[in-house]
Amino acid sequence: MNSQQAARTESAGGRPGLNLSYGYGTDRGLRRELNEDSFIASDPIFAVADGMGGHEAGEVASGMCVRALATLPQLATGERTATASVVQQYLAIADDSIRAATGSRAGTTLTGVVVVEQMGIPYWLVMNIGDSRTYRLSQGRLAQISVDHSEVQELVDTGEITAEEATVHPRRHVVTRALGTGDETEADYWLLPIEEGDRMMVCSDGLNGELTDDQMFDILNTVPDPQEAVDLLIQAALRSGGRDNVTVIVVDARNVLNEDGVSTTAPRTAAAAEDEDTLPRHAGNGETAHDGS
């Protein structure tokens, strides 16, 4: 899971309704000796883990996280029945395993989406812990769905620095929440109704640390094939310096049967995410949106 990989898959499970196509790839970058990113990309789970903690320890942490997610029963059956509470249980297992293996000296971020269905309606269940990111391209607008658990995000939230200043802040890589280390280990969750033509991008900070949101938007909005989009995003990050490991997953949704007019949701705990009442979440409140204008 830590070597360069790329594949294109269409997955509908032989059932009518939602069809997913996706691509994925990872690269250790131009300056790192090891690739400490790990990922999983198999319907219904698409997630990226970025390990941290020094030589090889980060690779151990991210790998253990992904392997824990790989034991979700929905991955074996292809069913879209997972819930935030179930996902959190498996993340707790990963947290315990990483601490036992590394003595709490290593950790990992995690972000991604699990495709779920409730009463026949498909949703993106977005999860995040740390500063890897999940974005959504929908109706021609790119929005960051996840909210970073980082020192600079806290400074942005309190108005002490701007989002632009955060991109060059000397402590921009310091995370405040991770699996395997620290006191806070629960992920945030969002439940978003899937809309026709949605494109989700999950990435480690080796991508968004090298490219602006506008640069990512240009590729995601103009390259229809998800695998080609992944390849071009990674190449662009390497051309921009490739200072970190970079991992990207792009997932496209087609043939969506959905209700109209349902908003995206605010970040919640696993328990709160089980409530079907959604709260609107607007750009400028942790979410950034780009439409190329």
Protein backbone atom coordinates (compact mmCIF):
# COMPACT_ATOMS: atom_id res chain seq x y z
CA MET A 1 0.00 0.00 0.00
CA ASN A 2 3.04 2.26 0.07
CA SER A 3 4.36 1.78 -3.44
CA GLN A 4 3.22 3.60 -6.56
CA GLN A 5 -0.12 2.11 -7.55
CA ALA A 6 -2.73 3.09 -10.08
CA ALA A 7 -5.88 1.40 -11.27
CA ARG A 8 -9.27 2.27 -12.61
CA THR A 9 -12.30 0.40 -11.40
CA GLU A 10 -16.02 0.64 -11.99
CA SER A 11 -18.03 -0.83 -9.18
CA ALA A 12 -21.78 -1.22 -9.08
CA GLY A 13 -21.97 -4.69 -7.63
CA GLY A 14 -24.33 -5.79 -10.37
CA ARG A 15 -27.12 -3.76 -8.77
CA PRO A 16 -29.25 -1.00 -10.26
CA GLY A 17 -28.65 2.51 -9.02
CA LEU A 18 -25.45 4.20 -7.90
CA ASN A 19 -22.36 3.44 -9.98
CA LEU A 20 -18.89 4.43 -8.81
CA SER A 21 -15.73 4.77 -10.87
CA TYR A 22 -12.44 5.62 -9.22
CA GLY A 23 -8.72 5.93 -9.57
CA TYR A 24 -5.89 6.06 -7.05
CA GLY A 25 -2.15 6.52 -6.76
CA THR A 26 0.67 7.27 -4.36
CA ASP A 27 4.25 8.49 -4.66
CA ARG A 28 6.94 8.94 -2.02
CA GLY A 29 7.80 12.33 -3.52
CA LEU A 30 11.18 13.78 -4.35
CA ARG A 31 12.63 14.37 -0.88
CA ARG A 32 11.39 11.58 1.38
CA GLU A 33 13.25 8.30 1.72
CA LEU A 34 10.10 6.33 2.56
CA ASN A 35 6.44 6.58 1.68
CA GLU A 36 4.56 6.73 4.98
CA ASP A 37 1.15 7.11 3.30
CA SER A 38 -1.25 4.18 3.06
CA PHE A 39 -4.64 4.00 1.43
CA ILE A 40 -7.65 1.84 0.72
CA ALA A 41 -9.81 2.24 -2.38
CA SER A 42 -12.49 -0.40 -2.69
CA ASP A 43 -16.25 0.14 -2.75
CA PRO A 44 -17.58 1.23 -0.31
CA ILE A 45 -14.43 2.55 1.47
CA PHE A 46 -12.02 5.15 0.09
CA ALA A 47 -9.49 6.51 2.59
CA VAL A 48 -5.96 7.88 2.93
CA ALA A 49 -3.76 7.64 6.04
CA ASP A 50 -0.61 9.74 6.42
CA GLY A 51 1.76 8.30 8.99
CA MET A 52 4.03 10.33 11.25
CA GLY A 53 6.55 9.54 13.91
CA GLY A 54 9.96 9.17 12.36
CA HIS A 55 11.79 6.58 10.33
CA GLU A 56 9.45 3.66 9.44
CA ALA A 57 7.17 4.31 12.42
CA GLY A 58 4.80 6.42 10.34
CA GLU A 59 4.56 3.69 7.74
CA VAL A 60 3.65 1.21 10.49
CA ALA A 61 0.94 3.51 11.88
CA SER A 62 -0.73 4.32 8.56
CA GLY A 63 -0.57 0.70 7.46
CA MET A 64 -2.20 -0.55 10.66
CA CYS A 65 -4.95 2.04 10.28
CA VAL A 66 -5.76 0.98 6.74
CA ARG A 67 -5.63 -2.71 7.62
CA ALA A 68 -8.13 -2.13 10.42
CA LEU A 69 -10.51 -0.44 7.97
CA ALA A 70 -10.01 -3.34 5.57
CA THR A 71 -11.63 -5.66 8.11
CA LEU A 72 -14.95 -3.79 7.95
CA PRO A 73 -17.48 -6.45 6.95
CA GLN A 74 -18.97 -4.16 4.30
CA LEU A 75 -15.71 -4.34 2.36
CA ALA A 76 -16.06 -8.09 1.93
CA THR A 77 -19.75 -7.98 1.02
CA GLY A 78 -19.81 -4.73 -0.96
CA GLU A 79 -22.84 -3.65 1.05
CA ARG A 80 -23.31 0.06 1.76
CA THR A 81 -24.63 -0.37 5.27
CA ALA A 82 -21.80 1.04 7.40
CA THR A 83 -22.50 3.76 9.96
CA ALA A 84 -20.30 6.35 11.63
CA SER A 85 -20.51 4.42 14.88
CA VAL A 86 -19.29 1.24 13.21
CA VAL A 87 -16.44 3.05 11.46
CA GLN A 88 -15.42 4.66 14.76
CA GLN A 89 -15.25 1.23 16.40
CA TYR A 90 -12.72 0.11 13.81
CA LEU A 91 -10.73 3.33 14.18
CA ALA A 92 -10.59 2.66 17.93
CA ILE A 93 -9.15 -0.77 17.14
CA ALA A 94 -6.56 0.88 14.89
CA ASP A 95 -5.70 3.40 17.60
CA ASP A 96 -5.12 0.64 20.16
CA SER A 97 -3.06 -1.42 17.73
CA ILE A 98 -0.81 1.49 16.79
CA ARG A 99 -0.20 2.42 20.42
CA ALA A 100 0.66 -1.18 21.29
CA ALA A 101 3.03 -1.55 18.34
CA THR A 102 4.82 1.79 18.68
CA GLY A 103 4.47 2.71 22.33
CA SER A 104 2.42 5.76 21.32
CA ARG A 105 5.48 7.15 19.55
CA ALA A 106 3.84 7.13 16.13
CA GLY A 107 0.51 8.21 14.76
CA THR A 108 -1.43 8.70 11.58
CA THR A 109 -3.99 10.98 10.08
CA LEU A 110 -7.00 9.51 8.30
CA THR A 111 -9.53 10.97 5.92
CA GLY A 112 -11.91 9.59 3.35
CA VAL A 113 -15.43 8.55 2.47
CA VAL A 114 -17.57 5.50 3.05
CA VAL A 115 -20.51 5.10 0.69
CA VAL A 116 -23.67 4.36 2.65
CA GLU A 117 -27.35 4.05 1.83
CA GLN A 118 -30.22 5.02 4.10
CA MET A 119 -33.79 4.28 3.03
CA GLY A 120 -32.54 3.79 -0.52
CA ILE A 121 -30.79 7.17 -0.65
CA PRO A 122 -26.97 7.13 -1.14
CA TYR A 123 -24.70 9.27 1.00
CA TRP A 124 -21.04 10.10 1.34
CA LEU A 125 -20.03 9.44 4.95
CA VAL A 126 -16.93 11.61 5.22
CA MET A 127 -14.51 10.94 8.07
CA ASN A 128 -11.48 12.91 9.16
CA ILE A 129 -8.85 12.95 11.86
CA GLY A 130 -5.72 15.06 11.34
CA ASP A 131 -4.81 17.21 8.33
CA SER A 132 -5.25 14.96 5.33
CA ARG A 133 -8.21 16.19 3.31
CA THR A 134 -11.41 15.21 1.54
CA TYR A 135 -12.81 17.50 -1.16
CA ARG A 136 -16.02 17.42 -3.16
CA LEU A 137 -16.45 18.68 -6.71
CA SER A 138 -20.16 19.17 -7.28
CA GLN A 139 -22.09 21.43 -9.65
CA GLY A 140 -18.83 22.95 -10.87
CA ARG A 141 -17.60 23.94 -7.39
CA LEU A 142 -14.77 22.41 -5.40
CA ALA A 143 -15.30 22.42 -1.63
CA GLN A 144 -13.08 21.14 1.15
CA ILE A 145 -15.39 19.00 3.28
CA SER A 146 -12.99 17.89 6.02
CA VAL A 147 -11.69 20.41 8.53
CA ASP A 148 -8.03 20.10 9.49
CA HIS A 149 -7.12 19.17 13.04
CA SER A 150 -4.03 21.38 13.10
CA GLU A 151 -2.55 24.30 14.97
CA VAL A 152 -2.87 26.63 11.99
CA GLN A 153 -6.53 25.70 11.45
CA GLU A 154 -7.20 26.70 15.05
CA LEU A 155 -5.47 30.03 14.36
CA VAL A 156 -7.60 30.52 11.26
CA ASP A 157 -10.76 29.67 13.20
CA THR A 158 -9.97 32.30 15.83
CA GLY A 159 -9.12 34.92 13.22
CA GLU A 160 -5.46 35.20 14.24
CA ILE A 161 -4.23 34.36 10.74
CA THR A 162 -5.84 34.10 7.31
CA ALA A 163 -6.25 30.92 5.32
CA GLU A 164 -3.59 32.21 2.93
CA GLU A 165 -1.16 32.81 5.80
CA ALA A 166 -1.83 29.29 7.06
CA THR A 167 -0.37 27.79 3.88
CA VAL A 168 3.10 29.17 4.71
CA HIS A 169 2.95 29.20 8.51
CA PRO A 170 6.01 27.50 10.10
CA ARG A 171 3.76 25.24 12.22
CA ARG A 172 1.38 24.28 9.41
CA HIS A 173 2.32 20.59 9.71
CA VAL A 174 1.56 20.28 13.44
CA VAL A 175 -1.61 18.22 13.90
CA THR A 176 -3.77 18.38 17.00
CA ARG A 177 -5.54 15.05 16.59
CA ALA A 178 -4.33 11.69 15.29
CA LEU A 179 -4.73 7.95 15.67
CA GLY A 180 -2.10 6.19 17.77
CA THR A 181 -0.87 9.16 19.74
CA GLY A 182 -2.20 12.02 21.84
CA ASP A 183 -5.43 12.31 23.78
CA GLU A 184 -7.95 13.07 21.02
CA THR A 185 -8.53 10.18 18.65
CA GLU A 186 -12.16 10.39 17.54
CA ALA A 187 -12.81 11.37 13.95
CA ASP A 188 -15.24 14.02 12.76
CA TYR A 189 -18.00 12.85 10.44
CA TRP A 190 -20.18 14.45 7.79
CA LEU A 191 -23.15 12.86 6.00
CA LEU A 192 -23.65 14.28 2.51
CA PRO A 193 -26.35 13.15 0.07
CA ILE A 194 -24.68 11.99 -3.13
CA GLU A 195 -25.62 14.07 -6.16
CA GLU A 196 -25.40 13.07 -9.80
CA GLY A 197 -21.92 13.77 -11.13
CA ASP A 198 -20.28 14.17 -7.72
CA ARG A 199 -16.51 13.78 -7.69
CA MET A 200 -14.79 13.17 -4.35
CA MET A 201 -11.06 13.60 -3.89
CA VAL A 202 -9.22 12.19 -0.87
CA CYS A 203 -5.57 13.16 -0.43
CA SER A 204 -2.64 13.40 1.93
CA ASP A 205 -1.18 16.85 2.56
CA GLY A 206 1.58 16.10 0.09
CA LEU A 207 -0.95 17.15 -2.55
CA ASN A 208 -2.64 20.22 -1.09
CA GLY A 209 0.69 21.33 0.39
CA GLU A 210 2.06 21.69 -3.14
CA LEU A 211 -1.01 22.77 -5.11
CA THR A 212 -3.53 25.53 -4.54
CA ASP A 213 -7.23 24.76 -4.50
CA ASP A 214 -7.53 26.48 -7.89
CA GLN A 215 -4.83 24.24 -9.37
CA MET A 216 -6.58 21.12 -8.03
CA PHE A 217 -9.92 22.42 -9.30
CA ASP A 218 -8.54 22.94 -12.81
CA ILE A 219 -7.52 19.28 -13.08
CA LEU A 220 -10.55 17.79 -11.34
CA ASN A 221 -12.97 19.90 -13.38
CA THR A 222 -11.44 19.28 -16.79
CA VAL A 223 -10.19 15.67 -16.73
CA PRO A 224 -13.15 13.27 -16.93
CA ASP A 225 -11.32 10.01 -16.25
CA PRO A 226 -10.69 9.58 -12.50
CA GLN A 227 -7.42 7.70 -12.93
CA GLU A 228 -6.06 10.26 -15.35
CA ALA A 229 -7.04 12.99 -12.90
CA VAL A 230 -5.16 11.20 -10.11
CA ASP A 231 -2.06 10.80 -12.26
CA LEU A 232 -2.07 14.46 -13.31
CA LEU A 233 -2.57 15.66 -9.72
CA ILE A 234 0.40 13.61 -8.49
CA GLN A 235 2.56 14.77 -11.39
CA ALA A 236 1.64 18.39 -10.66
CA ALA A 237 2.58 17.97 -6.99
CA LEU A 238 5.94 16.52 -7.96
CA ARG A 239 6.59 19.35 -10.42
CA SER A 240 5.77 21.81 -7.65
CA GLY A 241 8.49 20.35 -5.43
CA GLY A 242 7.28 16.95 -4.21
CA ARG A 243 8.45 17.71 -0.69
CA ASP A 244 6.23 15.09 0.92
CA ASN A 245 4.62 11.76 0.14
CA VAL A 246 1.56 12.33 -2.01
CA THR A 247 -1.48 10.06 -2.22
CA VAL A 248 -4.71 10.74 -4.09
CA ILE A 249 -8.02 8.93 -4.60
CA VAL A 250 -10.71 10.27 -6.95
CA VAL A 251 -14.22 8.78 -6.86
CA ASP A 252 -17.00 9.63 -9.34
CA ALA A 253 -20.70 8.96 -8.78
CA ARG A 254 -23.12 8.27 -11.62
CA ASN A 255 -26.70 7.04 -11.97
CA VAL A 256 -27.61 8.56 -8.61
CA LEU A 257 -31.17 8.20 -7.33
CA ASN A 258 -31.50 11.00 -4.81
CA GLU A 259 -33.77 13.59 -3.29
CA ASP A 260 -33.35 17.26 -4.21
CA GLY A 261 -32.45 20.17 -2.02
CA VAL A 262 -30.65 18.47 0.88
CA SER A 263 -27.70 20.42 2.28
CA THR A 264 -24.26 19.21 3.33
CA THR A 265 -23.75 18.61 7.01
CA ALA A 266 -21.71 20.08 9.81
CA PRO A 267 -18.90 18.07 11.44
CA ARG A 268 -20.24 15.76 14.12
CA THR A 269 -19.21 12.92 16.35
CA ALA A 270 -19.93 9.35 15.32
CA ALA A 271 -23.00 9.27 17.56
CA ALA A 272 -24.40 12.52 16.23
CA ALA A 273 -23.81 11.46 12.64
CA GLU A 274 -26.37 8.70 13.09
CA ASP A 275 -29.08 11.37 13.31
CA GLU A 276 -30.61 11.85 9.88
CA ASP A 277 -31.41 15.52 10.54
CA THR A 278 -28.69 17.41 8.69
CA LEU A 279 -27.35 20.87 9.37
CA PRO A 280 -26.28 23.22 6.58
CA ARG A 281 -22.60 23.94 6.37
CA HIS A 282 -21.52 26.96 4.35
CA ALA A 283 -18.30 28.03 2.68
CA GLY A 284 -16.32 30.23 5.01
CA ASN A 285 -17.15 28.14 8.08
CA GLY A 286 -14.34 25.65 7.71
CA GLU A 287 -15.36 24.80 4.14
CA THR A 288 -13.72 26.43 1.14
CA ALA A 289 -15.35 26.48 -2.26
CA HIS A 290 -13.85 27.14 -5.69
CA ASP A 291 -15.66 27.48 -8.98
CA GLY A 292 -12.80 28.65 -11.13
CA SER A 293 -14.03 32.24 -11.24
